[in-house]
Protein backbone atom coordinates (compact mmCIF):
# COMPACT_ATOMS: atom_id res chain seq x y z
CA MET A 1 49.09 37.75 11.84
CA ASN A 2 48.77 33.98 11.81
CA TRP A 3 47.32 33.88 8.26
CA LEU A 4 50.10 36.12 7.00
CA VAL A 5 52.68 33.69 8.43
CA TRP A 6 50.93 30.76 6.70
CA ILE A 7 50.93 32.58 3.35
CA ILE A 8 54.58 33.62 3.55
CA PHE A 9 55.62 30.14 4.68
CA GLY A 10 53.52 28.72 1.87
CA LEU A 11 55.27 30.83 -0.73
CA ILE A 12 58.69 29.80 0.52
CA ALA A 13 57.69 26.16 1.11
CA GLY A 14 56.19 25.87 -2.38
CA ALA A 15 59.39 27.12 -3.96
CA ILE A 16 61.52 24.75 -1.86
CA ALA A 17 59.20 21.81 -2.59
CA LYS A 18 59.49 22.54 -6.32
CA PHE A 19 63.27 22.64 -5.93
CA ILE A 20 63.30 19.30 -4.09
CA MET A 21 60.86 17.66 -6.53
CA PRO A 22 61.66 19.24 -9.90
CA GLY A 23 59.56 18.41 -12.90
CA LYS A 24 57.19 19.81 -15.44
CA ASP A 25 53.94 20.50 -13.68
CA PRO A 26 50.86 21.90 -15.37
CA GLY A 27 50.01 25.34 -14.09
CA GLY A 28 53.56 26.58 -13.62
CA PHE A 29 54.72 28.85 -10.83
CA ILE A 30 51.27 30.05 -9.76
CA VAL A 31 50.08 26.49 -9.05
CA THR A 32 53.32 25.84 -7.17
CA ILE A 33 52.64 28.87 -4.96
CA ILE A 34 49.06 27.75 -4.31
CA ILE A 35 50.25 24.22 -3.51
CA GLY A 36 52.82 25.75 -1.14
CA ILE A 37 50.25 27.81 0.72
CA VAL A 38 47.74 24.96 1.00
CA GLY A 39 50.61 22.59 1.84
CA ALA A 40 51.69 24.83 4.70
CA VAL A 41 48.15 24.77 6.08
CA VAL A 42 47.87 20.99 5.65
CA GLY A 43 51.35 20.43 7.08
CA GLY A 44 50.53 22.64 10.05
CA TYR A 45 47.31 20.76 10.68
CA LEU A 46 48.88 17.30 10.35
CA GLY A 47 52.00 18.32 12.27
CA THR A 48 49.91 19.64 15.14
CA MET A 49 47.63 16.63 15.13
CA PHE A 50 50.24 13.86 14.92
CA LEU A 51 53.53 15.37 16.07
CA GLY A 52 52.54 18.28 18.25
CA ILE A 53 54.48 20.62 15.94
CA GLY A 54 52.66 23.45 14.21
CA VAL A 55 53.44 26.69 12.48
CA THR A 56 54.17 28.98 15.43
CA GLY A 57 56.16 31.74 13.76
CA PHE A 58 59.27 32.16 11.70
CA ASN A 59 61.37 29.28 12.98
CA LEU A 60 62.95 26.10 11.65
CA PRO A 61 60.38 23.55 12.90
CA SER A 62 57.56 25.60 11.40
CA MET A 63 59.37 25.81 8.08
CA GLY A 64 59.95 22.04 8.12
CA VAL A 65 56.24 21.42 8.71
CA ALA A 66 55.29 23.78 5.87
CA ILE A 67 57.77 22.19 3.45
CA GLY A 68 56.61 18.69 4.41
CA GLY A 69 52.99 19.60 3.72
CA SER A 70 53.95 21.20 0.40
CA LEU A 71 55.91 18.12 -0.66
CA LEU A 72 52.95 15.91 0.23
CA LEU A 73 50.53 18.03 -1.79
CA LEU A 74 52.90 18.33 -4.74
CA PHE A 75 53.25 14.54 -4.78
CA LEU A 76 49.48 14.06 -4.64
CA TYR A 77 48.95 16.73 -7.32
CA ARG A 78 51.30 14.89 -9.66
CA LEU A 79 49.54 11.59 -9.01
CA ILE A 80 46.15 13.10 -9.80
CA LYS A 81 47.35 14.93 -12.92
CA LYS A 82 48.76 11.71 -14.45
């Protein structure tokens, strides 16, 4: 169940991160989804490690952590691709 939550949060977080940071990214929507899923995992790990907040289910703090991780990865992806 936990992996399914990460994937769903990642899909939503990737779309929201793309909305917050619009731009032309290579790879299109599929890469955005992958960045969202990986960003949710990274955000969950970093949130648990530094803030004590992880992805614990469908709730607002978990969504914030997933979006934060997705924004971080989207930013790093754009830096690398330049």
